[in-house]
Protein backbone atom coordinates (compact mmCIF):
# COMPACT_ATOMS: atom_id res chain seq x y z
CA MET A 1 20.35 -21.06 -94.25
CA SER A 2 18.77 -24.39 -93.50
CA TYR A 3 14.99 -24.57 -93.42
CA HIS A 4 14.81 -27.23 -90.73
CA PHE A 5 16.28 -28.65 -87.54
CA SER A 6 16.86 -32.40 -87.33
CA LYS A 7 17.96 -35.04 -84.89
CA THR A 8 18.44 -38.78 -85.26
CA LEU A 9 17.02 -40.94 -82.48
CA ASP A 10 17.73 -44.52 -81.50
CA CYS A 11 14.15 -45.57 -80.71
CA SER A 12 11.10 -46.97 -82.45
CA PHE A 13 9.10 -44.89 -84.88
CA ASP A 14 6.05 -44.92 -82.61
CA GLN A 15 8.17 -43.93 -79.60
CA ALA A 16 9.58 -40.99 -81.56
CA ILE A 17 6.06 -39.75 -82.31
CA GLU A 18 5.15 -40.09 -78.63
CA ASP A 19 8.32 -38.26 -77.56
CA VAL A 20 7.80 -35.39 -80.01
CA THR A 21 4.15 -35.05 -78.97
CA ALA A 22 5.07 -35.00 -75.27
CA ALA A 23 7.87 -32.46 -75.78
CA LEU A 24 5.51 -30.21 -77.72
CA GLN A 25 2.83 -30.45 -75.04
CA GLU A 26 5.37 -29.19 -72.49
CA ILE A 27 5.54 -25.89 -74.42
CA ASP A 28 1.79 -25.68 -75.06
CA PHE A 29 1.90 -26.95 -78.64
CA GLY A 30 -0.72 -29.47 -79.68
CA ILE A 31 -0.88 -31.71 -82.72
CA LEU A 32 -3.57 -30.39 -85.10
CA CYS A 33 -3.07 -33.08 -87.68
CA THR A 34 -1.15 -36.28 -88.27
CA ILE A 35 -0.45 -37.21 -91.87
CA PRO A 36 0.91 -40.73 -92.39
CA VAL A 37 2.54 -39.89 -95.72
CA SER A 38 3.93 -43.38 -96.33
CA GLU A 39 0.46 -44.91 -95.86
CA LYS A 40 -1.20 -42.30 -98.08
CA LEU A 41 1.33 -42.88 -100.87
CA LYS A 42 0.83 -46.64 -100.58
CA GLY A 43 -2.92 -46.20 -100.94
CA ALA A 44 -2.78 -43.64 -103.75
CA LEU A 45 0.17 -44.85 -105.80
CA ASP A 46 0.87 -48.35 -104.47
CA VAL A 47 4.45 -47.34 -103.66
CA ASP A 48 6.44 -48.28 -100.58
CA ILE A 49 8.61 -45.78 -98.76
CA PRO A 50 9.97 -46.02 -95.22
CA ARG A 51 7.55 -44.79 -92.55
CA TYR A 52 7.15 -41.02 -92.86
CA THR A 53 4.66 -39.01 -90.83
CA ILE A 54 4.04 -35.27 -90.68
CA LEU A 55 2.84 -33.83 -87.37
CA GLY A 56 1.21 -30.42 -87.71
CA ALA A 57 1.91 -28.66 -84.41
CA CYS A 58 0.33 -25.46 -83.16
CA ASN A 59 0.49 -23.22 -80.12
CA PRO A 60 -2.82 -21.30 -80.09
CA ALA A 61 -1.33 -18.17 -78.50
CA PHE A 62 1.42 -17.92 -81.11
CA ALA A 63 -1.01 -18.71 -83.93
CA TYR A 64 -3.29 -15.90 -82.75
CA LYS A 65 -0.38 -13.44 -82.54
CA ALA A 66 0.77 -14.44 -86.03
CA LEU A 67 -2.73 -13.93 -87.44
CA GLN A 68 -2.80 -10.47 -85.85
CA CYS A 69 0.47 -9.64 -87.62
CA GLU A 70 -0.46 -11.11 -90.99
CA ASN A 71 -3.97 -12.33 -91.79
CA LYS A 72 -2.86 -14.71 -94.57
CA ILE A 73 -0.21 -16.39 -92.40
CA GLY A 74 -2.40 -19.48 -92.20
CA VAL A 75 -0.89 -20.60 -95.51
CA MET A 76 2.37 -21.10 -93.57
CA LEU A 77 0.87 -22.82 -90.53
CA PRO A 78 1.05 -25.12 -88.64
CA CYS A 79 4.65 -25.75 -87.61
CA ASN A 80 5.44 -29.11 -89.16
CA PHE A 81 7.50 -31.87 -87.62
CA VAL A 82 8.49 -34.90 -89.70
CA VAL A 83 9.18 -38.32 -88.21
CA GLN A 84 11.04 -40.49 -90.72
CA GLN A 85 12.24 -44.09 -90.49
CA LYS A 86 15.84 -44.41 -91.63
CA GLU A 87 17.42 -47.46 -93.29
CA ASP A 88 19.68 -48.14 -90.29
CA GLY A 89 16.64 -48.62 -88.05
CA LYS A 90 17.00 -45.23 -86.43
CA VAL A 91 14.40 -42.47 -86.67
CA GLU A 92 15.01 -38.91 -87.78
CA VAL A 93 12.86 -36.08 -86.45
CA SER A 94 12.90 -32.79 -88.34
CA ALA A 95 11.09 -29.54 -87.70
CA VAL A 96 10.53 -26.43 -89.74
CA ASP A 97 12.68 -23.39 -88.95
CA PRO A 98 10.02 -20.68 -88.62
CA ILE A 99 12.52 -17.96 -89.47
CA ALA A 100 13.28 -19.62 -92.80
CA SER A 101 9.60 -20.18 -93.57
CA MET A 102 8.69 -16.58 -92.70
CA ALA A 103 11.63 -15.04 -94.59
CA ALA A 104 9.48 -14.29 -97.65
CA ILE A 105 7.09 -12.15 -95.60
CA GLU A 106 8.20 -8.58 -95.02
CA ASN A 107 6.71 -7.99 -91.58
CA ALA A 108 9.00 -7.08 -88.67
CA ASP A 109 6.43 -8.06 -86.02
CA LEU A 110 6.01 -11.48 -87.60
CA GLY A 111 9.78 -11.83 -87.84
CA ALA A 112 10.15 -11.18 -84.12
CA LEU A 113 7.48 -13.77 -83.39
CA ALA A 114 9.28 -16.28 -85.65
CA VAL A 115 12.46 -15.81 -83.61
CA GLU A 116 10.56 -16.65 -80.42
CA VAL A 117 8.92 -19.73 -81.94
CA GLN A 118 12.23 -20.85 -83.44
CA GLY A 119 13.75 -21.05 -79.97
CA LEU A 120 10.89 -23.24 -78.77
CA ILE A 121 11.01 -25.57 -81.77
CA LYS A 122 14.78 -25.88 -81.64
CA GLY A 123 14.42 -26.66 -77.94
CA VAL A 124 12.06 -29.54 -78.72
CA ILE A 125 14.51 -31.03 -81.23
CA ASP A 126 17.43 -30.59 -78.82
CA LYS A 127 15.48 -32.23 -75.99
CA LEU A 128 14.70 -35.40 -77.94
């Protein structure tokens, strides 16, 4: 089982971030955090990697339901999307598969919620 969904886009890196953010907003997911990994690594280790940004996405209603099912679920949140510059100039967008990330937790209610969220996340990737 794969732990992510991915799609390669033929657009700029910044446009990909805008497109992901807009697609997430359409399904009531907001971006809680933006982590410019490539910039952080450059500052901390003085290494250069292609642009790589993590977008931490959250839908408050689903987050609340998940917390009601499992009060430590916050260690698995938010739903992360990665925007990554590829060598060919294209941009790859990847998103966590919530079913894969929740597989270690034995909670049927949480599993059912993960299935619902998986459909939404996969829909975002497919729409890009």
